C-alpha atoms as a PDB file:
ATOM      1  CA  MET A   1      81.731   1.014   7.180  1.00  0.00           C
ATOM      2  CA  LYS A   2      83.149   3.751   9.380  1.00  0.00           C
ATOM      3  CA  LYS A   3      82.867   6.199   6.482  1.00  0.00           C
ATOM      4  CA  TYR A   4      79.262   5.103   5.950  1.00  0.00           C
ATOM      5  CA  CYS A   5      78.420   5.810   9.600  1.00  0.00           C
ATOM      6  CA  LEU A   6      80.077   9.194   9.495  1.00  0.00           C
ATOM      7  CA  ALA A   7      78.190  10.080   6.319  1.00  0.00           C
ATOM      8  CA  LEU A   8      74.838   9.273   7.919  1.00  0.00           C
ATOM      9  CA  LEU A   9      75.756  11.305  10.996  1.00  0.00           C
ATOM     10  CA  ALA A  10      76.755  14.258   8.818  1.00  0.00           C
ATOM     11  CA  ILE A  11      73.475  14.146   6.888  1.00  0.00           C
ATOM     12  CA  ALA A  12      71.440  13.973  10.084  1.00  0.00           C
ATOM     13  CA  ALA A  13      73.363  16.885  11.572  1.00  0.00           C
ATOM     14  CA  ALA A  14      72.836  18.932   8.425  1.00  0.00           C
ATOM     15  CA  LEU A  15      69.083  18.337   8.598  1.00  0.00           C
ATOM     16  CA  ALA A  16      69.088  19.481  12.204  1.00  0.00           C
ATOM     17  CA  ILE A  17      71.007  22.732  11.730  1.00  0.00           C
ATOM     18  CA  THR A  18      70.422  23.845   8.126  1.00  0.00           C
ATOM     19  CA  PRO A  19      66.774  23.235   7.104  1.00  0.00           C
ATOM     20  CA  ALA A  20      66.834  26.261   4.795  1.00  0.00           C
ATOM     21  CA  ALA A  21      69.367  24.472   2.626  1.00  0.00           C
ATOM     22  CA  LEU A  22      66.654  21.949   1.704  1.00  0.00           C
ATOM     23  CA  ALA A  23      64.181  24.600   0.585  1.00  0.00           C
ATOM     24  CA  ASP A  24      62.590  24.131  -2.812  1.00  0.00           C
ATOM     25  CA  SER A  25      63.088  27.465  -4.580  1.00  0.00           C
ATOM     26  CA  THR A  26      62.478  28.898  -8.052  1.00  0.00           C
ATOM     27  CA  THR A  27      63.645  32.308  -9.281  1.00  0.00           C
ATOM     28  CA  TYR A  28      62.170  33.899 -12.400  1.00  0.00           C
ATOM     29  CA  SER A  29      64.489  36.410 -14.047  1.00  0.00           C
ATOM     30  CA  GLY A  30      65.755  37.371 -17.496  1.00  0.00           C
ATOM     31  CA  SER A  31      63.822  35.610 -20.252  1.00  0.00           C
ATOM     32  CA  GLY A  32      62.244  33.396 -17.583  1.00  0.00           C
ATOM     33  CA  LEU A  33      59.928  36.319 -16.786  1.00  0.00           C
ATOM     34  CA  ALA A  34      58.303  35.823 -20.205  1.00  0.00           C
ATOM     35  CA  GLY A  35      56.792  32.521 -19.067  1.00  0.00           C
ATOM     36  CA  LEU A  36      54.837  34.038 -16.170  1.00  0.00           C
ATOM     37  CA  ASP A  37      51.111  34.812 -16.282  1.00  0.00           C
ATOM     38  CA  TYR A  38      50.209  38.477 -16.689  1.00  0.00           C
ATOM     39  CA  SER A  39      46.777  39.889 -15.809  1.00  0.00           C
ATOM     40  CA  GLY A  40      45.226  43.329 -16.164  1.00  0.00           C
ATOM     41  CA  GLY A  41      44.034  45.664 -18.884  1.00  0.00           C
ATOM     42  CA  PRO A  42      45.712  45.829 -22.322  1.00  0.00           C
ATOM     43  CA  GLY A  43      49.341  46.865 -21.877  1.00  0.00           C
ATOM     44  CA  ASP A  44      48.990  47.073 -18.086  1.00  0.00           C
ATOM     45  CA  SER A  45      50.924  43.889 -17.367  1.00  0.00           C
ATOM     46  CA  GLN A  46      53.613  42.489 -19.647  1.00  0.00           C
ATOM     47  CA  TYR A  47      57.082  41.069 -20.111  1.00  0.00           C
ATOM     48  CA  VAL A  48      59.515  43.648 -21.500  1.00  0.00           C
ATOM     49  CA  PRO A  49      62.918  42.440 -22.757  1.00  0.00           C
ATOM     50  CA  GLY A  50      65.825  44.799 -22.195  1.00  0.00           C
ATOM     51  CA  THR A  51      68.795  45.433 -19.939  1.00  0.00           C
ATOM     52  CA  PRO A  52      67.539  44.018 -17.697  1.00  0.00           C
ATOM     53  CA  ASP A  53      64.435  42.098 -18.789  1.00  0.00           C
ATOM     54  CA  VAL A  54      61.498  43.070 -16.571  1.00  0.00           C
ATOM     55  CA  ALA A  55      57.971  42.135 -15.629  1.00  0.00           C
ATOM     56  CA  GLN A  56      56.210  45.477 -16.050  1.00  0.00           C
ATOM     57  CA  LEU A  57      53.012  46.551 -14.302  1.00  0.00           C
ATOM     58  CA  SER A  58      51.333  49.912 -14.869  1.00  0.00           C
ATOM     59  CA  THR A  59      47.907  51.433 -14.350  1.00  0.00           C
ATOM     60  CA  ALA A  60      46.516  54.939 -14.849  1.00  0.00           C
ATOM     61  CA  ASP A  61      43.536  54.572 -12.521  1.00  0.00           C
ATOM     62  CA  SER A  62      44.651  53.056  -9.240  1.00  0.00           C
ATOM     63  CA  GLY A  63      42.801  55.551  -7.073  1.00  0.00           C
ATOM     64  CA  THR A  64      39.066  55.062  -7.675  1.00  0.00           C
ATOM     65  CA  ALA A  65      37.027  52.117  -6.501  1.00  0.00           C
ATOM     66  CA  SER A  66      34.750  51.911  -9.544  1.00  0.00           C
ATOM     67  CA  THR A  67      37.427  51.992 -12.243  1.00  0.00           C
ATOM     68  CA  ALA A  68      40.626  50.935 -10.459  1.00  0.00           C
ATOM     69  CA  ASP A  69      42.747  48.456 -12.355  1.00  0.00           C
ATOM     70  CA  SER A  70      44.960  45.912 -10.574  1.00  0.00           C
ATOM     71  CA  PRO A  71      47.605  44.567 -12.960  1.00  0.00           C
ATOM     72  CA  ALA A  72      49.577  41.602 -11.652  1.00  0.00           C
ATOM     73  CA  VAL A  73      52.141  38.993 -12.628  1.00  0.00           C
ATOM     74  CA  PHE A  74      51.678  35.404 -11.391  1.00  0.00           C
ATOM     75  CA  ALA A  75      53.745  32.239 -11.084  1.00  0.00           C
ATOM     76  CA  GLN A  76      52.022  28.868 -10.894  1.00  0.00           C
ATOM     77  CA  ILE A  77      52.962  26.949  -7.745  1.00  0.00           C
ATOM     78  CA  PRO A  78      53.202  23.124  -7.518  1.00  0.00           C
ATOM     79  CA  ASN A  79      50.761  22.774  -4.608  1.00  0.00           C
ATOM     80  CA  TRP A  80      53.047  23.958  -1.835  1.00  0.00           C
ATOM     81  CA  SER A  81      51.940  24.198   1.780  1.00  0.00           C
ATOM     82  CA  LEU A  82      50.743  27.636   2.895  1.00  0.00           C
ATOM     83  CA  GLY A  83      52.572  27.533   6.239  1.00  0.00           C
ATOM     84  CA  THR A  84      55.962  26.885   4.649  1.00  0.00           C
ATOM     85  CA  PHE A  85      55.588  29.197   1.636  1.00  0.00           C
ATOM     86  CA  ALA A  86      57.811  32.244   1.096  1.00  0.00           C
ATOM     87  CA  ALA A  87      58.407  34.674  -1.769  1.00  0.00           C
ATOM     88  CA  SER A  88      60.314  37.829  -2.676  1.00  0.00           C
ATOM     89  CA  TYR A  89      60.740  40.229  -5.571  1.00  0.00           C
ATOM     90  CA  ASP A  90      63.436  42.638  -6.764  1.00  0.00           C
ATOM     91  CA  LEU A  91      62.348  46.035  -8.053  1.00  0.00           C
ATOM     92  CA  VAL A  92      64.121  47.869 -10.854  1.00  0.00           C
ATOM     93  CA  SER A  93      61.906  50.917 -10.416  1.00  0.00           C
ATOM     94  CA  SER A  94      58.474  51.858  -9.103  1.00  0.00           C
ATOM     95  CA  ASN A  95      56.103  54.801  -8.975  1.00  0.00           C
ATOM     96  CA  VAL A  96      53.245  54.078  -6.617  1.00  0.00           C
ATOM     97  CA  PRO A  97      51.048  56.233  -4.361  1.00  0.00           C
ATOM     98  CA  SER A  98      52.668  57.383  -1.134  1.00  0.00           C
ATOM     99  CA  GLY A  99      52.487  54.783   1.601  1.00  0.00           C
ATOM    100  CA  THR A 100      51.912  51.866  -0.766  1.00  0.00           C
ATOM    101  CA  SER A 101      54.126  49.286  -2.443  1.00  0.00           C
ATOM    102  CA  PRO A 102      53.629  46.306  -4.755  1.00  0.00           C
ATOM    103  CA  TYR A 103      52.142  43.460  -2.720  1.00  0.00           C
ATOM    104  CA  TRP A 104      51.999  39.677  -2.915  1.00  0.00           C
ATOM    105  CA  ILE A 105      48.696  37.943  -3.591  1.00  0.00           C
ATOM    106  CA  LEU A 106      48.134  34.184  -3.254  1.00  0.00           C
ATOM    107  CA  TYR A 107      45.406  31.909  -4.563  1.00  0.00           C
ATOM    108  CA  LEU A 108      44.922  28.605  -2.756  1.00  0.00           C
ATOM    109  CA  THR A 109      43.284  25.441  -3.969  1.00  0.00           C
ATOM    110  CA  ASP A 110      41.567  22.540  -2.229  1.00  0.00           C
ATOM    111  CA  ASP A 111      39.067  19.842  -3.185  1.00  0.00           C
ATOM    112  CA  THR A 112      36.384  22.496  -3.769  1.00  0.00           C
ATOM    113  CA  GLY A 113      38.509  24.583  -6.163  1.00  0.00           C
ATOM    114  CA  TYR A 114      40.154  27.996  -5.678  1.00  0.00           C
ATOM    115  CA  THR A 115      39.659  29.848  -2.410  1.00  0.00           C
ATOM    116  CA  LEU A 116      39.498  33.563  -1.661  1.00  0.00           C
ATOM    117  CA  PRO A 117      42.739  35.399  -2.468  1.00  0.00           C
ATOM    118  CA  ILE A 118      45.191  36.076   0.344  1.00  0.00           C
ATOM    119  CA  VAL A 119      46.623  39.577   0.059  1.00  0.00           C
ATOM    120  CA  ALA A 120      49.777  40.684   1.884  1.00  0.00           C
ATOM    121  CA  ASP A 121      50.100  44.173   3.353  1.00  0.00           C
ATOM    122  CA  GLY A 122      52.872  45.078   0.908  1.00  0.00           C
ATOM    123  CA  GLY A 123      56.606  44.894   0.497  1.00  0.00           C
ATOM    124  CA  SER A 124      59.075  42.690  -1.328  1.00  0.00           C
ATOM    125  CA  THR A 125      59.148  39.770   1.107  1.00  0.00           C
ATOM    126  CA  LEU A 126      56.390  37.322   1.998  1.00  0.00           C
ATOM    127  CA  ASN A 127      56.839  34.625   4.640  1.00  0.00           C
ATOM    128  CA  ALA A 128      55.081  33.070   7.636  1.00  0.00           C
ATOM    129  CA  SER A 129      55.557  36.297   9.661  1.00  0.00           C
ATOM    130  CA  SER A 130      53.998  38.596   7.032  1.00  0.00           C
ATOM    131  CA  LEU A 131      50.670  40.261   7.816  1.00  0.00           C
ATOM    132  CA  VAL A 132      47.907  39.375   5.374  1.00  0.00           C
ATOM    133  CA  HIS A 133      44.172  39.704   4.911  1.00  0.00           C
ATOM    134  CA  VAL A 134      41.615  37.418   3.265  1.00  0.00           C
ATOM    135  CA  GLY A 135      38.606  39.192   1.802  1.00  0.00           C
ATOM    136  CA  ASP A 136      36.731  40.809   4.673  1.00  0.00           C
ATOM    137  CA  LEU A 137      37.769  38.190   7.219  1.00  0.00           C
ATOM    138  CA  THR A 138      40.950  39.917   8.352  1.00  0.00           C
ATOM    139  CA  SER A 139      42.660  43.193   7.582  1.00  0.00           C
ATOM    140  CA  GLY A 140      46.407  43.092   8.097  1.00  0.00           C
ATOM    141  CA  SER A 141      45.906  41.533  11.507  1.00  0.00           C
ATOM    142  CA  ILE A 142      46.991  37.934  11.010  1.00  0.00           C
ATOM    143  CA  THR A 143      50.268  36.421   9.891  1.00  0.00           C
ATOM    144  CA  LEU A 144      50.500  34.042   6.965  1.00  0.00           C
ATOM    145  CA  GLY A 145      51.651  31.284   9.321  1.00  0.00           C
ATOM    146  CA  ALA A 146      48.750  31.839  11.736  1.00  0.00           C
ATOM    147  CA  LEU A 147      46.300  31.711   8.831  1.00  0.00           C
ATOM    148  CA  ASP A 148      46.840  27.952   8.631  1.00  0.00           C
ATOM    149  CA  SER A 149      44.328  27.321  11.420  1.00  0.00           C
ATOM    150  CA  LEU A 150      41.718  29.855  10.248  1.00  0.00           C
ATOM    151  CA  ILE A 151      38.639  28.367   8.569  1.00  0.00           C
ATOM    152  CA  ASP A 152      38.109  29.038   4.879  1.00  0.00           C
ATOM    153  CA  PRO A 153      34.422  30.022   4.507  1.00  0.00           C
ATOM    154  CA  ASN A 154      34.281  28.528   0.999  1.00  0.00           C
ATOM    155  CA  SER A 155      35.303  25.016   1.972  1.00  0.00           C
ATOM    156  CA  GLY A 156      34.662  24.979   5.725  1.00  0.00           C
ATOM    157  CA  LEU A 157      38.201  23.622   6.161  1.00  0.00           C
ATOM    158  CA  ALA A 158      41.271  25.161   7.731  1.00  0.00           C
ATOM    159  CA  TYR A 159      43.393  27.144   5.279  1.00  0.00           C
ATOM    160  CA  GLY A 160      46.311  24.891   6.226  1.00  0.00           C
ATOM    161  CA  LEU A 161      44.592  22.019   4.422  1.00  0.00           C
ATOM    162  CA  SER A 162      44.773  23.967   1.165  1.00  0.00           C
ATOM    163  CA  THR A 163      47.876  24.532  -0.942  1.00  0.00           C
ATOM    164  CA  VAL A 164      49.245  27.523  -2.827  1.00  0.00           C
ATOM    165  CA  ALA A 165      48.244  27.340  -6.506  1.00  0.00           C
ATOM    166  CA  TRP A 166      49.297  30.805  -7.726  1.00  0.00           C
ATOM    167  CA  ALA A 167      51.547  33.499  -6.274  1.00  0.00           C
ATOM    168  CA  GLY A 168      51.730  36.945  -7.808  1.00  0.00           C
ATOM    169  CA  VAL A 169      52.689  40.563  -7.307  1.00  0.00           C
ATOM    170  CA  GLU A 170      50.005  43.201  -7.840  1.00  0.00           C
ATOM    171  CA  ILE A 171      49.776  47.017  -7.822  1.00  0.00           C
ATOM    172  CA  GLY A 172      46.992  49.581  -7.810  1.00  0.00           C
ATOM    173  CA  ASP A 173      44.283  47.840  -5.826  1.00  0.00           C
ATOM    174  CA  TRP A 174      43.421  50.623  -3.388  1.00  0.00           C
ATOM    175  CA  ASP A 175      40.932  53.456  -3.007  1.00  0.00           C
ATOM    176  CA  ASN A 176      41.576  57.010  -1.800  1.00  0.00           C
ATOM    177  CA  GLY A 177      37.996  58.139  -2.330  1.00  0.00           C
ATOM    178  CA  ASP A 178      37.946  60.229  -5.488  1.00  0.00           C
ATOM    179  CA  ALA A 179      41.302  60.845  -7.206  1.00  0.00           C
ATOM    180  CA  THR A 180      42.798  59.038 -10.162  1.00  0.00           C
ATOM    181  CA  ILE A 181      46.453  58.296  -9.433  1.00  0.00           C
ATOM    182  CA  PRO A 182      48.772  56.260 -11.682  1.00  0.00           C
ATOM    183  CA  ALA A 183      51.031  53.499 -10.445  1.00  0.00           C
ATOM    184  CA  SER A 184      53.798  51.444 -12.037  1.00  0.00           C
ATOM    185  CA  ALA A 185      56.499  48.945 -11.130  1.00  0.00           C
ATOM    186  CA  ASP A 186      59.196  46.998 -12.983  1.00  0.00           C
ATOM    187  CA  PHE A 187      60.530  43.745 -11.514  1.00  0.00           C
ATOM    188  CA  ASP A 188      63.656  41.974 -12.717  1.00  0.00           C
ATOM    189  CA  SER A 189      63.306  38.975 -10.399  1.00  0.00           C
ATOM    190  CA  LEU A 190      60.575  37.026  -8.587  1.00  0.00           C
ATOM    191  CA  THR A 191      61.415  34.140  -6.253  1.00  0.00           C
ATOM    192  CA  VAL A 192      59.051  31.587  -4.706  1.00  0.00           C
ATOM    193  CA  SER A 193      60.174  28.952  -2.225  1.00  0.00           C
ATOM    194  CA  GLN A 194      59.038  26.361   0.273  1.00  0.00           C
ATOM    195  CA  THR A 195      61.033  25.354   3.334  1.00  0.00           C
ATOM    196  CA  PRO A 196      60.390  21.869   4.785  1.00  0.00           C
ATOM    197  CA  GLU A 197      58.465  21.873   8.045  1.00  0.00           C
ATOM    198  CA  PRO A 198      60.713  21.555  11.141  1.00  0.00           C
ATOM    199  CA  THR A 199      58.803  18.497  12.384  1.00  0.00           C
ATOM    200  CA  SER A 200      59.398  16.675   9.102  1.00  0.00           C
ATOM    201  CA  LEU A 201      63.108  17.475   9.257  1.00  0.00           C
ATOM    202  CA  LEU A 202      63.245  16.307  12.868  1.00  0.00           C
ATOM    203  CA  LEU A 203      61.678  12.952  11.988  1.00  0.00           C
ATOM    204  CA  LEU A 204      63.998  12.458   9.027  1.00  0.00           C
ATOM    205  CA  GLY A 205      67.060  13.477  11.012  1.00  0.00           C
ATOM    206  CA  THR A 206      66.093  11.175  13.889  1.00  0.00           C
ATOM    207  CA  GLY A 207      65.651   8.269  11.489  1.00  0.00           C
ATOM    208  CA  LEU A 208      69.077   8.842   9.963  1.00  0.00           C
ATOM    209  CA  LEU A 209      70.653   9.048  13.392  1.00  0.00           C
ATOM    210  CA  GLY A 210      69.042   5.710  14.261  1.00  0.00           C
ATOM    211  CA  LEU A 211      70.406   4.115  11.101  1.00  0.00           C
ATOM    212  CA  ALA A 212      73.847   5.533  11.809  1.00  0.00           C
ATOM    213  CA  PHE A 213      73.761   4.142  15.354  1.00  0.00           C
ATOM    214  CA  LEU A 214      72.726   0.652  14.193  1.00  0.00           C
ATOM    215  CA  ALA A 215      75.359   0.655  11.459  1.00  0.00           C
ATOM    216  CA  PHE A 216      77.993   1.791  13.953  1.00  0.00           C
ATOM    217  CA  ARG A 217      77.095  -0.992  16.416  1.00  0.00           C
ATOM    218  CA  LYS A 218      77.166  -3.590  13.650  1.00  0.00           C
ATOM    219  CA  ALA A 219      80.508  -2.350  12.433  1.00  0.00           C
ATOM    220  CA  LYS A 220      81.937  -2.321  15.950  1.00  0.00           C
ATOM    221  CA  ALA A 221      80.754  -5.878  16.598  1.00  0.00           C
ATOM    222  CA  SER A 222      82.499  -7.084  13.450  1.00  0.00           C
ATOM    223  CA  GLY A 223      85.655  -5.128  14.173  1.00  0.00           C
ATOM    224  CA  LEU A 224      85.322  -3.037  11.005  1.00  0.00           C
ATOM    225  CA  VAL A 225      84.957   0.250  12.843  1.00  0.00           C
ATOM    226  CA  LEU A 226      88.689   0.375  13.530  1.00  0.00           C
ATOM    227  CA  HIS A 227      89.492   0.553   9.828  1.00  0.00           C
ATOM    228  CA  SER A 228      89.244   3.606   7.587  1.00  0.00           C
END
């Protein structure tokens, strides 16, 4: 019984101090990149086996608004919460216009269907602190975490009531006015993850502590607590 009490206490303590360890995470690499969804013009977005295998994006016309292509690679997400979502990618190589980088793009879903895409400012990491914009509503001025309370104009509901349906990395969606500038990027790894909300962990940890306390009192009353 003493061992049982100690086990419950250890689990509760772990929930309190290491929530990241309970994150649900998936990494796509190697041949796993072949199962992702690729979008763009013919040959602009594809899985390329090699050493290493890569998800390859390339476009010859990233600089003009009327003809710009935006190749992307997407992973389907099992309805994870927006506020706890995070993602990252590893680049093998890239050739993009100065001042730009491949950027994350999310599609959410709710009871009305898919919402407007959420586009990050750029860079390999996306988390609650990342600056994002949604259509014309914001422009790099709100964090992904703060977006939870913003109202989605399609559904009239807060974005936090929707869930992430697709997460992808895109290149080339920009406009410098008149030039045609190519862009390309090869990724050998994409990772998507969801970390449990702190309040949920607190409730679970508190419940386990309560069980441990009751078990400890019961064991003490029966005299079992003195035995290993």
